[in-house]
C-alpha cells in the first residue's frame, strides 16, 4: 500500500517568518544540517518545510506529538533528497509498516511544493 502527502508553501511566508522570528523559527523547524544546506535561501527553506508537512500527511497525522526536527530532509549530491525519521515520527512510521519514504521537491519564484510517498511492507 502507498501512503501519500503533498504540501505547498509560499516563499514569501517563509521570508516573513524568518524576518519576524529569525533563529527561533529556523531552529524550531530545521536541523543544523538542513540549515547548512539551505544557507538562508527561502526557496530551499520552503521546500524543506513543504516536505516535512507532506510527510506528516503521508503518515496520516497532524503535528500532534511529532517535532518538526523528527523529520529530516537530507540532501544528497547529484540525487533527490531523502526523508529520515526519528523520534515520534519514526515510531508512527514503524507502526504503519512504512519501509520507505520517497520525496520530490520543486519550486518556482513564489512557491515550493513537495510530494511524499510512503511504501508499506
PDB file of N, CA and C in Angstrom:
ATOM      1  N   UNK A   1       0.845  -1.171   0.000  1.00  0.00           N
ATOM      2  CA  UNK A   1       0.000   0.000   0.000  1.00  0.00           C
ATOM      3  C   UNK A   1       0.893   1.237   0.000  1.00  0.00           C
ATOM      4  N   UNK A   2       0.427   2.284  -0.671  1.00  0.00           N
ATOM      5  CA  UNK A   2       1.149   3.545  -0.708  1.00  0.00           C
ATOM      6  C   UNK A   2       0.383   4.599   0.079  1.00  0.00           C
ATOM      7  N   UNK A   3       1.108   5.371   0.860  1.00  0.00           N
ATOM      8  CA  UNK A   3       0.554   6.492   1.607  1.00  0.00           C
ATOM      9  C   UNK A   3       1.175   7.757   1.028  1.00  0.00           C
ATOM     10  N   UNK A   4       0.351   8.750   0.706  1.00  0.00           N
ATOM     11  CA  UNK A   4       0.896   9.942   0.072  1.00  0.00           C
ATOM     12  C   UNK A   4       0.559  11.208   0.846  1.00  0.00           C
ATOM     13  N   UNK A   5       1.385  12.215   0.641  1.00  0.00           N
ATOM     14  CA  UNK A   5       1.156  13.530   1.214  1.00  0.00           C
ATOM     15  C   UNK A   5       1.737  14.573   0.270  1.00  0.00           C
ATOM     16  N   UNK A   6       1.083  15.705   0.193  1.00  0.00           N
ATOM     17  CA  UNK A   6       1.574  16.802  -0.634  1.00  0.00           C
ATOM     18  C   UNK A   6       1.351  18.110   0.114  1.00  0.00           C
ATOM     19  N   UNK A   7       2.250  19.061  -0.087  1.00  0.00           N
ATOM     20  CA  UNK A   7       2.093  20.361   0.548  1.00  0.00           C
ATOM     21  C   UNK A   7       2.755  21.426  -0.320  1.00  0.00           C
ATOM     22  N   UNK A   8       2.209  22.623  -0.241  1.00  0.00           N
ATOM     23  CA  UNK A   8       2.747  23.760  -0.979  1.00  0.00           C
ATOM     24  C   UNK A   8       2.957  24.912   0.003  1.00  0.00           C
ATOM     25  N   UNK A   9       4.079  25.605  -0.139  1.00  0.00           N
ATOM     26  CA  UNK A   9       4.439  26.696   0.762  1.00  0.00           C
ATOM     27  C   UNK A   9       4.843  27.908  -0.069  1.00  0.00           C
ATOM     28  N   UNK A  10       4.342  29.069   0.313  1.00  0.00           N
ATOM     29  CA  UNK A  10       4.727  30.310  -0.358  1.00  0.00           C
ATOM     30  C   UNK A  10       6.068  30.796   0.192  1.00  0.00           C
ATOM     31  N   UNK A  11       6.996  31.125  -0.692  1.00  0.00           N
ATOM     32  CA  UNK A  11       8.298  31.605  -0.272  1.00  0.00           C
ATOM     33  C   UNK A  11       8.178  32.893   0.543  1.00  0.00           C
ATOM     34  N   UNK A  12       7.217  33.731   0.192  1.00  0.00           N
ATOM     35  CA  UNK A  12       7.009  34.989   0.908  1.00  0.00           C
ATOM     36  C   UNK A  12       6.675  34.721   2.382  1.00  0.00           C
ATOM     37  N   UNK A  13       5.907  33.661   2.633  1.00  0.00           N
ATOM     38  CA  UNK A  13       5.553  33.299   4.015  1.00  0.00           C
ATOM     39  C   UNK A  13       6.798  32.942   4.811  1.00  0.00           C
ATOM     40  N   UNK A  14       7.695  32.183   4.207  1.00  0.00           N
ATOM     41  CA  UNK A  14       8.942  31.801   4.880  1.00  0.00           C
ATOM     42  C   UNK A  14       9.788  33.046   5.132  1.00  0.00           C
ATOM     43  N   UNK A  15       9.877  33.904   4.148  1.00  0.00           N
ATOM     44  CA  UNK A  15      10.640  35.142   4.309  1.00  0.00           C
ATOM     45  C   UNK A  15      10.111  35.964   5.486  1.00  0.00           C
ATOM     46  N   UNK A  16       8.784  36.094   5.581  1.00  0.00           N
ATOM     47  CA  UNK A  16       8.179  36.857   6.670  1.00  0.00           C
ATOM     48  C   UNK A  16       8.453  36.213   8.023  1.00  0.00           C
ATOM     49  N   UNK A  17       8.359  34.883   8.109  1.00  0.00           N
ATOM     50  CA  UNK A  17       8.626  34.180   9.358  1.00  0.00           C
ATOM     51  C   UNK A  17      10.086  34.340   9.792  1.00  0.00           C
ATOM     52  N   UNK A  18      10.997  34.250   8.837  1.00  0.00           N
ATOM     53  CA  UNK A  18      12.418  34.402   9.159  1.00  0.00           C
ATOM     54  C   UNK A  18      12.701  35.829   9.614  1.00  0.00           C
ATOM     55  N   UNK A  19      12.132  36.810   8.933  1.00  0.00           N
ATOM     56  CA  UNK A  19      12.359  38.205   9.322  1.00  0.00           C
ATOM     57  C   UNK A  19      11.760  38.513  10.691  1.00  0.00           C
ATOM     58  N   UNK A  20      10.631  37.904  11.011  1.00  0.00           N
ATOM     59  CA  UNK A  20       9.968  38.174  12.287  1.00  0.00           C
ATOM     60  C   UNK A  20      10.613  37.421  13.452  1.00  0.00           C
ATOM     61  N   UNK A  21      10.898  36.126  13.251  1.00  0.00           N
ATOM     62  CA  UNK A  21      11.339  35.266  14.352  1.00  0.00           C
ATOM     63  C   UNK A  21      12.796  34.830  14.254  1.00  0.00           C
ATOM     64  N   UNK A  22      13.424  34.995  13.110  1.00  0.00           N
ATOM     65  CA  UNK A  22      14.825  34.655  12.873  1.00  0.00           C
ATOM     66  C   UNK A  22      15.167  33.254  13.392  1.00  0.00           C
ATOM     67  N   UNK A  23      16.155  33.158  14.266  1.00  0.00           N
ATOM     68  CA  UNK A  23      16.637  31.843  14.691  1.00  0.00           C
ATOM     69  C   UNK A  23      15.608  31.058  15.509  1.00  0.00           C
ATOM     70  N   UNK A  24      14.665  31.723  16.164  1.00  0.00           N
ATOM     71  CA  UNK A  24      13.615  30.996  16.896  1.00  0.00           C
ATOM     72  C   UNK A  24      12.822  30.123  15.933  1.00  0.00           C
ATOM     73  N   UNK A  25      12.445  30.685  14.804  1.00  0.00           N
ATOM     74  CA  UNK A  25      11.717  29.925  13.787  1.00  0.00           C
ATOM     75  C   UNK A  25      12.620  28.865  13.171  1.00  0.00           C
ATOM     76  N   UNK A  26      13.778  29.276  12.700  1.00  0.00           N
ATOM     77  CA  UNK A  26      14.674  28.367  11.985  1.00  0.00           C
ATOM     78  C   UNK A  26      15.079  27.165  12.837  1.00  0.00           C
ATOM     79  N   UNK A  27      15.449  27.413  14.081  1.00  0.00           N
ATOM     80  CA  UNK A  27      15.907  26.322  14.945  1.00  0.00           C
ATOM     81  C   UNK A  27      14.773  25.440  15.450  1.00  0.00           C
ATOM     82  N   UNK A  28      13.558  25.928  15.396  1.00  0.00           N
ATOM     83  CA  UNK A  28      12.403  25.109  15.786  1.00  0.00           C
ATOM     84  C   UNK A  28      12.028  24.118  14.679  1.00  0.00           C
ATOM     85  N   UNK A  29      12.236  24.516  13.435  1.00  0.00           N
ATOM     86  CA  UNK A  29      11.777  23.732  12.289  1.00  0.00           C
ATOM     87  C   UNK A  29      12.877  22.866  11.673  1.00  0.00           C
ATOM     88  N   UNK A  30      14.074  23.420  11.558  1.00  0.00           N
ATOM     89  CA  UNK A  30      15.131  22.787  10.758  1.00  0.00           C
ATOM     90  C   UNK A  30      16.304  22.295  11.604  1.00  0.00           C
ATOM     91  N   UNK A  31      16.894  21.183  11.169  1.00  0.00           N
ATOM     92  CA  UNK A  31      18.121  20.688  11.793  1.00  0.00           C
ATOM     93  C   UNK A  31      19.294  21.545  11.311  1.00  0.00           C
ATOM     94  N   UNK A  32      20.417  21.433  11.982  1.00  0.00           N
ATOM     95  CA  UNK A  32      21.605  22.185  11.559  1.00  0.00           C
ATOM     96  C   UNK A  32      22.051  21.771  10.161  1.00  0.00           C
ATOM     97  N   UNK A  33      21.918  20.495   9.849  1.00  0.00           N
ATOM     98  CA  UNK A  33      22.279  20.005   8.512  1.00  0.00           C
ATOM     99  C   UNK A  33      21.383  20.652   7.453  1.00  0.00           C
ATOM    100  N   UNK A  34      20.079  20.745   7.741  1.00  0.00           N
ATOM    101  CA  UNK A  34      19.154  21.381   6.795  1.00  0.00           C
ATOM    102  C   UNK A  34      19.476  22.865   6.636  1.00  0.00           C
ATOM    103  N   UNK A  35      19.769  23.534   7.742  1.00  0.00           N
ATOM    104  CA  UNK A  35      20.103  24.962   7.675  1.00  0.00           C
ATOM    105  C   UNK A  35      21.394  25.191   6.905  1.00  0.00           C
ATOM    106  N   UNK A  36      22.366  24.311   7.070  1.00  0.00           N
ATOM    107  CA  UNK A  36      23.621  24.434   6.321  1.00  0.00           C
ATOM    108  C   UNK A  36      23.381  24.302   4.820  1.00  0.00           C
ATOM    109  N   UNK A  37      22.527  23.361   4.453  1.00  0.00           N
ATOM    110  CA  UNK A  37      22.216  23.177   3.034  1.00  0.00           C
ATOM    111  C   UNK A  37      21.434  24.375   2.481  1.00  0.00           C
ATOM    112  N   UNK A  38      20.463  24.848   3.226  1.00  0.00           N
ATOM    113  CA  UNK A  38      19.585  25.921   2.734  1.00  0.00           C
ATOM    114  C   UNK A  38      20.296  27.269   2.651  1.00  0.00           C
ATOM    115  N   UNK A  39      21.252  27.508   3.529  1.00  0.00           N
ATOM    116  CA  UNK A  39      22.013  28.769   3.540  1.00  0.00           C
ATOM    117  C   UNK A  39      21.116  29.997   3.405  1.00  0.00           C
ATOM    118  N   UNK A  40      20.034  30.011   4.166  1.00  0.00           N
ATOM    119  CA  UNK A  40      19.082  31.140   4.209  1.00  0.00           C
ATOM    120  C   UNK A  40      18.371  31.406   2.885  1.00  0.00           C
ATOM    121  N   UNK A  41      18.394  30.462   1.969  1.00  0.00           N
ATOM    122  CA  UNK A  41      17.646  30.620   0.714  1.00  0.00           C
ATOM    123  C   UNK A  41      16.197  30.232   0.973  1.00  0.00           C
ATOM    124  N   UNK A  42      15.305  31.162   0.721  1.00  0.00           N
ATOM    125  CA  UNK A  42      13.889  30.946   1.021  1.00  0.00           C
ATOM    126  C   UNK A  42      13.290  29.811   0.201  1.00  0.00           C
ATOM    127  N   UNK A  43      13.742  29.605  -1.034  1.00  0.00           N
ATOM    128  CA  UNK A  43      13.217  28.511  -1.843  1.00  0.00           C
ATOM    129  C   UNK A  43      13.554  27.158  -1.221  1.00  0.00           C
ATOM    130  N   UNK A  44      14.775  27.015  -0.723  1.00  0.00           N
ATOM    131  CA  UNK A  44      15.169  25.753  -0.090  1.00  0.00           C
ATOM    132  C   UNK A  44      14.477  25.558   1.258  1.00  0.00           C
ATOM    133  N   UNK A  45      14.379  26.624   2.047  1.00  0.00           N
ATOM    134  CA  UNK A  45      13.677  26.538   3.327  1.00  0.00           C
ATOM    135  C   UNK A  45      12.214  26.158   3.117  1.00  0.00           C
ATOM    136  N   UNK A  46      11.571  26.787   2.130  1.00  0.00           N
ATOM    137  CA  UNK A  46      10.163  26.488   1.835  1.00  0.00           C
ATOM    138  C   UNK A  46      10.008  25.050   1.348  1.00  0.00           C
ATOM    139  N   UNK A  47      10.921  24.587   0.519  1.00  0.00           N
ATOM    140  CA  UNK A  47      10.867  23.211   0.027  1.00  0.00           C
ATOM    141  C   UNK A  47      10.996  22.196   1.139  1.00  0.00           C
ATOM    142  N   UNK A  48      11.912  22.466   2.085  1.00  0.00           N
ATOM    143  CA  UNK A  48      12.080  21.552   3.227  1.00  0.00           C
ATOM    144  C   UNK A  48      10.847  21.559   4.115  1.00  0.00           C
ATOM    145  N   UNK A  49      10.265  22.735   4.354  1.00  0.00           N
ATOM    146  CA  UNK A  49       9.052  22.798   5.176  1.00  0.00           C
ATOM    147  C   UNK A  49       7.902  22.065   4.480  1.00  0.00           C
ATOM    148  N   UNK A  50       7.753  22.254   3.178  1.00  0.00           N
ATOM    149  CA  UNK A  50       6.709  21.547   2.427  1.00  0.00           C
ATOM    150  C   UNK A  50       6.912  20.033   2.520  1.00  0.00           C
ATOM    151  N   UNK A  51       8.162  19.584   2.465  1.00  0.00           N
ATOM    152  CA  UNK A  51       8.448  18.151   2.561  1.00  0.00           C
ATOM    153  C   UNK A  51       8.088  17.607   3.940  1.00  0.00           C
ATOM    154  N   UNK A  52       8.347  18.383   4.983  1.00  0.00           N
ATOM    155  CA  UNK A  52       8.001  17.957   6.336  1.00  0.00           C
ATOM    156  C   UNK A  52       6.484  17.873   6.499  1.00  0.00           C
ATOM    157  N   UNK A  53       5.764  18.870   5.989  1.00  0.00           N
ATOM    158  CA  UNK A  53       4.290  18.864   6.044  1.00  0.00           C
ATOM    159  C   UNK A  53       3.733  17.696   5.238  1.00  0.00           C
ATOM    160  N   UNK A  54       4.281  17.461   4.062  1.00  0.00           N
ATOM    161  CA  UNK A  54       3.813  16.354   3.221  1.00  0.00           C
ATOM    162  C   UNK A  54       4.075  15.012   3.899  1.00  0.00           C
ATOM    163  N   UNK A  55       5.183  14.913   4.611  1.00  0.00           N
ATOM    164  CA  UNK A  55       5.489  13.687   5.351  1.00  0.00           C
ATOM    165  C   UNK A  55       4.441  13.438   6.431  1.00  0.00           C
ATOM    166  N   UNK A  56       4.082  14.497   7.159  1.00  0.00           N
ATOM    167  CA  UNK A  56       3.037  14.357   8.186  1.00  0.00           C
ATOM    168  C   UNK A  56       1.733  13.869   7.562  1.00  0.00           C
ATOM    169  N   UNK A  57       1.403  14.405   6.405  1.00  0.00           N
ATOM    170  CA  UNK A  57       0.166  13.990   5.729  1.00  0.00           C
ATOM    171  C   UNK A  57       0.248  12.534   5.278  1.00  0.00           C
ATOM    172  N   UNK A  58       1.421  12.115   4.779  1.00  0.00           N
ATOM    173  CA  UNK A  58       1.588  10.721   4.369  1.00  0.00           C
ATOM    174  C   UNK A  58       1.463   9.779   5.565  1.00  0.00           C
ATOM    175  N   UNK A  59       1.911  10.253   6.729  1.00  0.00           N
ATOM    176  CA  UNK A  59       1.799   9.450   7.947  1.00  0.00           C
ATOM    177  C   UNK A  59       0.382   9.472   8.510  1.00  0.00           C
ATOM    178  N   UNK A  60      -0.464  10.336   7.942  1.00  0.00           N
ATOM    179  CA  UNK A  60      -1.845  10.410   8.386  1.00  0.00           C
ATOM    180  C   UNK A  60      -1.979  11.105   9.718  1.00  0.00           C
ATOM    181  N   UNK A  61      -1.092  12.031   9.976  1.00  0.00           N
ATOM    182  CA  UNK A  61      -1.066  12.668  11.287  1.00  0.00           C
ATOM    183  C   UNK A  61      -0.886  14.171  11.151  1.00  0.00           C
ATOM    184  N   UNK A  62      -1.451  14.888  12.093  1.00  0.00           N
ATOM    185  CA  UNK A  62      -1.119  16.305  12.203  1.00  0.00           C
ATOM    186  C   UNK A  62       0.200  16.364  12.966  1.00  0.00           C
ATOM    187  N   UNK A  63       0.582  17.496  13.403  1.00  0.00           N
ATOM    188  CA  UNK A  63       1.855  17.613  14.111  1.00  0.00           C
ATOM    189  C   UNK A  63       1.776  17.167  15.568  1.00  0.00           C
ATOM    190  N   UNK A  64       0.634  16.654  15.993  1.00  0.00           N
ATOM    191  CA  UNK A  64       0.454  16.226  17.386  1.00  0.00           C
ATOM    192  C   UNK A  64       1.515  15.218  17.804  1.00  0.00           C
ATOM    193  N   UNK A  65       2.372  15.634  18.720  1.00  0.00           N
ATOM    194  CA  UNK A  65       3.378  14.733  19.262  1.00  0.00           C
ATOM    195  C   UNK A  65       4.616  14.559  18.405  1.00  0.00           C
ATOM    196  N   UNK A  66       4.618  15.069  17.200  1.00  0.00           N
ATOM    197  CA  UNK A  66       5.775  14.920  16.316  1.00  0.00           C
ATOM    198  C   UNK A  66       6.467  16.276  16.186  1.00  0.00           C
ATOM    199  N   UNK A  67       7.738  16.286  16.500  1.00  0.00           N
ATOM    200  CA  UNK A  67       8.542  17.501  16.369  1.00  0.00           C
ATOM    201  C   UNK A  67       8.931  17.698  14.903  1.00  0.00           C
ATOM    202  N   UNK A  68       9.030  18.963  14.508  1.00  0.00           N
ATOM    203  CA  UNK A  68       9.488  19.249  13.133  1.00  0.00           C
ATOM    204  C   UNK A  68      10.848  18.613  12.893  1.00  0.00           C
ATOM    205  N   UNK A  69      11.653  18.569  13.938  1.00  0.00           N
ATOM    206  CA  UNK A  69      13.005  18.020  13.794  1.00  0.00           C
ATOM    207  C   UNK A  69      13.024  16.494  13.793  1.00  0.00           C
ATOM    208  N   UNK A  70      11.868  15.855  14.014  1.00  0.00           N
ATOM    209  CA  UNK A  70      11.769  14.401  13.867  1.00  0.00           C
ATOM    210  C   UNK A  70      11.745  14.005  12.392  1.00  0.00           C
ATOM    211  N   UNK A  71      11.543  14.989  11.537  1.00  0.00           N
ATOM    212  CA  UNK A  71      11.516  14.749  10.085  1.00  0.00           C
ATOM    213  C   UNK A  71      12.697  15.491   9.486  1.00  0.00           C
ATOM    214  N   UNK A  72      13.650  14.738   8.977  1.00  0.00           N
ATOM    215  CA  UNK A  72      14.877  15.316   8.418  1.00  0.00           C
ATOM    216  C   UNK A  72      14.848  15.172   6.901  1.00  0.00           C
ATOM    217  N   UNK A  73      15.010  16.276   6.214  1.00  0.00           N
ATOM    218  CA  UNK A  73      15.098  16.243   4.756  1.00  0.00           C
ATOM    219  C   UNK A  73      16.582  16.350   4.425  1.00  0.00           C
ATOM    220  N   UNK A  74      17.134  15.257   3.977  1.00  0.00           N
ATOM    221  CA  UNK A  74      18.574  15.159   3.766  1.00  0.00           C
ATOM    222  C   UNK A  74      18.893  15.279   2.285  1.00  0.00           C
ATOM    223  N   UNK A  75      19.750  16.223   1.982  1.00  0.00           N
ATOM    224  CA  UNK A  75      20.178  16.428   0.604  1.00  0.00           C
ATOM    225  C   UNK A  75      21.274  15.416   0.261  1.00  0.00           C
ATOM    226  N   UNK A  76      21.186  14.898  -0.956  1.00  0.00           N
ATOM    227  CA  UNK A  76      22.221  14.001  -1.452  1.00  0.00           C
ATOM    228  C   UNK A  76      22.813  14.615  -2.707  1.00  0.00           C
ATOM    229  N   UNK A  77      24.128  14.670  -2.811  1.00  0.00           N
ATOM    230  CA  UNK A  77      24.748  15.238  -4.007  1.00  0.00           C
ATOM    231  C   UNK A  77      24.312  14.490  -5.266  1.00  0.00           C
ATOM    232  N   UNK A  78      23.912  15.246  -6.248  1.00  0.00           N
ATOM    233  CA  UNK A  78      23.528  14.703  -7.569  1.00  0.00           C
ATOM    234  C   UNK A  78      22.378  13.709  -7.520  1.00  0.00           C
ATOM    235  N   UNK A  79      21.528  13.844  -6.507  1.00  0.00           N
ATOM    236  CA  UNK A  79      20.390  12.944  -6.397  1.00  0.00           C
ATOM    237  C   UNK A  79      19.262  13.655  -5.653  1.00  0.00           C
ATOM    238  N   UNK A  80      18.089  13.060  -5.673  1.00  0.00           N
ATOM    239  CA  UNK A  80      16.955  13.658  -4.967  1.00  0.00           C
ATOM    240  C   UNK A  80      17.149  13.519  -3.464  1.00  0.00           C
ATOM    241  N   UNK A  81      16.544  14.430  -2.692  1.00  0.00           N
ATOM    242  CA  UNK A  81      16.668  14.337  -1.238  1.00  0.00           C
ATOM    243  C   UNK A  81      15.943  13.107  -0.702  1.00  0.00           C
ATOM    244  N   UNK A  82      16.259  12.764   0.524  1.00  0.00           N
ATOM    245  CA  UNK A  82      15.588  11.649   1.189  1.00  0.00           C
ATOM    246  C   UNK A  82      15.019  12.135   2.522  1.00  0.00           C
ATOM    247  N   UNK A  83      14.033  11.407   3.016  1.00  0.00           N
ATOM    248  CA  UNK A  83      13.428  11.693   4.308  1.00  0.00           C
ATOM    249  C   UNK A  83      13.975  10.684   5.317  1.00  0.00           C
ATOM    250  N   UNK A  84      14.477  11.188   6.429  1.00  0.00           N
ATOM    251  CA  UNK A  84      14.910  10.338   7.533  1.00  0.00           C
ATOM    252  C   UNK A  84      14.073  10.723   8.742  1.00  0.00           C
ATOM    253  N   UNK A  85      13.482   9.737   9.393  1.00  0.00           N
ATOM    254  CA  UNK A  85      12.624   9.987  10.552  1.00  0.00           C
ATOM    255  C   UNK A  85      13.311   9.585  11.842  1.00  0.00           C
ATOM    256  N   UNK A  86      12.970  10.313  12.911  1.00  0.00           N
ATOM    257  CA  UNK A  86      13.427   9.962  14.249  1.00  0.00           C
ATOM    258  C   UNK A  86      12.276  10.218  15.221  1.00  0.00           C
ATOM    259  N   UNK A  87      12.487   9.852  16.469  1.00  0.00           N
ATOM    260  CA  UNK A  87      11.501  10.134  17.499  1.00  0.00           C
ATOM    261  C   UNK A  87      10.109   9.588  17.198  1.00  0.00           C
ATOM    262  N   UNK A  88       9.098  10.407  17.516  1.00  0.00           N
ATOM    263  CA  UNK A  88       7.690  10.000  17.340  1.00  0.00           C
ATOM    264  C   UNK A  88       7.343   9.741  15.874  1.00  0.00           C
ATOM    265  N   UNK A  89       7.953  10.475  14.963  1.00  0.00           N
ATOM    266  CA  UNK A  89       7.675  10.246  13.536  1.00  0.00           C
ATOM    267  C   UNK A  89       8.133   8.852  13.115  1.00  0.00           C
ATOM    268  N   UNK A  90       9.284   8.443  13.599  1.00  0.00           N
ATOM    269  CA  UNK A  90       9.789   7.096  13.286  1.00  0.00           C
ATOM    270  C   UNK A  90       8.895   6.026  13.912  1.00  0.00           C
ATOM    271  N   UNK A  91       8.465   6.265  15.153  1.00  0.00           N
ATOM    272  CA  UNK A  91       7.568   5.314  15.825  1.00  0.00           C
ATOM    273  C   UNK A  91       6.280   5.127  15.030  1.00  0.00           C
ATOM    274  N   UNK A  92       5.686   6.236  14.580  1.00  0.00           N
ATOM    275  CA  UNK A  92       4.453   6.159  13.805  1.00  0.00           C
ATOM    276  C   UNK A  92       4.676   5.454  12.475  1.00  0.00           C
ATOM    277  N   UNK A  93       5.772   5.782  11.808  1.00  0.00           N
ATOM    278  CA  UNK A  93       6.107   5.150  10.535  1.00  0.00           C
ATOM    279  C   UNK A  93       6.257   3.638  10.694  1.00  0.00           C
ATOM    280  N   UNK A  94       6.935   3.232  11.747  1.00  0.00           N
ATOM    281  CA  UNK A  94       7.121   1.807  12.021  1.00  0.00           C
ATOM    282  C   UNK A  94       5.780   1.127  12.299  1.00  0.00           C
ATOM    283  N   UNK A  95       4.937   1.788  13.094  1.00  0.00           N
ATOM    284  CA  UNK A  95       3.613   1.233  13.410  1.00  0.00           C
ATOM    285  C   UNK A  95       2.764   1.065  12.149  1.00  0.00           C
ATOM    286  N   UNK A  96       2.941   1.955  11.179  1.00  0.00           N
ATOM    287  CA  UNK A  96       2.196   1.869   9.918  1.00  0.00           C
ATOM    288  C   UNK A  96       2.803   0.866   8.943  1.00  0.00           C
ATOM    289  N   UNK A  97       3.992   0.371   9.260  1.00  0.00           N
ATOM    290  CA  UNK A  97       4.660  -0.589   8.378  1.00  0.00           C
ATOM    291  C   UNK A  97       5.345   0.052   7.191  1.00  0.00           C
ATOM    292  N   UNK A  98       5.650   1.315   7.292  1.00  0.00           N
ATOM    293  CA  UNK A  98       6.322   2.012   6.187  1.00  0.00           C
ATOM    294  C   UNK A  98       7.788   1.613   6.164  1.00  0.00           C
ATOM    295  N   UNK A  99       8.245   1.130   5.004  1.00  0.00           N
ATOM    296  CA  UNK A  99       9.647   0.751   4.898  1.00  0.00           C
ATOM    297  C   UNK A  99      10.456   1.721   4.043  1.00  0.00           C
ATOM    298  N   UNK A 100       9.757   2.650   3.380  1.00  0.00           N
ATOM    299  CA  UNK A 100      10.476   3.628   2.558  1.00  0.00           C
ATOM    300  C   UNK A 100       9.626   4.875   2.377  1.00  0.00           C
ATOM    301  N   UNK A 101      10.272   6.037   2.453  1.00  0.00           N
ATOM    302  CA  UNK A 101       9.636   7.315   2.143  1.00  0.00           C
ATOM    303  C   UNK A 101      10.387   7.938   0.970  1.00  0.00           C
ATOM    304  N   UNK A 102       9.644   8.303  -0.049  1.00  0.00           N
ATOM    305  CA  UNK A 102      10.220   8.951  -1.214  1.00  0.00           C
ATOM    306  C   UNK A 102       9.695  10.370  -1.280  1.00  0.00           C
ATOM    307  N   UNK A 103      10.566  11.323  -1.591  1.00  0.00           N
ATOM    308  CA  UNK A 103      10.158  12.730  -1.636  1.00  0.00           C
ATOM    309  C   UNK A 103      10.588  13.365  -2.954  1.00  0.00           C
ATOM    310  N   UNK A 104       9.743  14.260  -3.430  1.00  0.00           N
ATOM    311  CA  UNK A 104      10.071  15.093  -4.583  1.00  0.00           C
ATOM    312  C   UNK A 104       9.740  16.525  -4.202  1.00  0.00           C
ATOM    313  N   UNK A 105      10.696  17.424  -4.396  1.00  0.00           N
ATOM    314  CA  UNK A 105      10.527  18.836  -4.058  1.00  0.00           C
ATOM    315  C   UNK A 105      10.775  19.667  -5.310  1.00  0.00           C
ATOM    316  N   UNK A 106       9.913  20.648  -5.512  1.00  0.00           N
ATOM    317  CA  UNK A 106      10.087  21.561  -6.643  1.00  0.00           C
ATOM    318  C   UNK A 106       9.666  22.955  -6.209  1.00  0.00           C
ATOM    319  N   UNK A 107      10.185  23.962  -6.884  1.00  0.00           N
ATOM    320  CA  UNK A 107       9.798  25.322  -6.526  1.00  0.00           C
ATOM    321  C   UNK A 107       9.876  26.265  -7.717  1.00  0.00           C
ATOM    322  N   UNK A 108       9.107  27.344  -7.591  1.00  0.00           N
ATOM    323  CA  UNK A 108       9.144  28.448  -8.541  1.00  0.00           C
ATOM    324  C   UNK A 108       9.676  29.664  -7.783  1.00  0.00           C
ATOM    325  N   UNK A 109       9.578  30.823  -8.381  1.00  0.00           N
ATOM    326  CA  UNK A 109       9.994  32.050  -7.695  1.00  0.00           C
ATOM    327  C   UNK A 109       9.069  32.394  -6.536  1.00  0.00           C
ATOM    328  N   UNK A 110       7.870  31.800  -6.502  1.00  0.00           N
ATOM    329  CA  UNK A 110       6.876  32.161  -5.496  1.00  0.00           C
ATOM    330  C   UNK A 110       6.474  31.039  -4.551  1.00  0.00           C
ATOM    331  N   UNK A 111       6.569  29.795  -4.982  1.00  0.00           N
ATOM    332  CA  UNK A 111       6.100  28.677  -4.159  1.00  0.00           C
ATOM    333  C   UNK A 111       7.064  27.483  -4.207  1.00  0.00           C
ATOM    334  N   UNK A 112       6.938  26.648  -3.193  1.00  0.00           N
ATOM    335  CA  UNK A 112       7.635  25.361  -3.166  1.00  0.00           C
ATOM    336  C   UNK A 112       6.583  24.291  -2.911  1.00  0.00           C
ATOM    337  N   UNK A 113       6.756  23.157  -3.537  1.00  0.00           N
ATOM    338  CA  UNK A 113       5.825  22.055  -3.369  1.00  0.00           C
ATOM    339  C   UNK A 113       6.625  20.783  -3.108  1.00  0.00           C
ATOM    340  N   UNK A 114       6.047  19.929  -2.285  1.00  0.00           N
ATOM    341  CA  UNK A 114       6.687  18.643  -2.021  1.00  0.00           C
ATOM    342  C   UNK A 114       5.636  17.547  -2.059  1.00  0.00           C
ATOM    343  N   UNK A 115       6.040  16.421  -2.578  1.00  0.00           N
ATOM    344  CA  UNK A 115       5.204  15.219  -2.655  1.00  0.00           C
ATOM    345  C   UNK A 115       5.968  14.114  -1.958  1.00  0.00           C
ATOM    346  N   UNK A 116       5.327  13.441  -1.004  1.00  0.00           N
ATOM    347  CA  UNK A 116       5.953  12.348  -0.277  1.00  0.00           C
ATOM    348  C   UNK A 116       5.104  11.098  -0.430  1.00  0.00           C
ATOM    349  N   UNK A 117       5.761   9.982  -0.735  1.00  0.00           N
ATOM    350  CA  UNK A 117       5.066   8.701  -0.811  1.00  0.00           C
ATOM    351  C   UNK A 117       5.736   7.722   0.143  1.00  0.00           C
ATOM    352  N   UNK A 118       4.928   7.139   0.992  1.00  0.00           N
ATOM    353  CA  UNK A 118       5.404   6.098   1.885  1.00  0.00           C
ATOM    354  C   UNK A 118       4.940   4.747   1.371  1.00  0.00           C
ATOM    355  N   UNK A 119       5.853   3.812   1.290  1.00  0.00           N
ATOM    356  CA  UNK A 119       5.546   2.472   0.817  1.00  0.00           C
ATOM    357  C   UNK A 119       5.540   1.525   2.019  1.00  0.00           C
ATOM    358  N   UNK A 120       4.447   0.781   2.156  1.00  0.00           N
ATOM    359  CA  UNK A 120       4.365  -0.173   3.255  1.00  0.00           C
ATOM    360  C   UNK A 120       4.841  -1.544   2.808  1.00  0.00           C
ATOM    361  N   UNK A 121       5.186  -2.346   3.794  1.00  0.00           N
ATOM    362  CA  UNK A 121       5.713  -3.705   3.531  1.00  0.00           C
ATOM    363  C   UNK A 121       4.637  -4.607   3.013  1.00  0.00           C
TER     364      UNK A 121
END
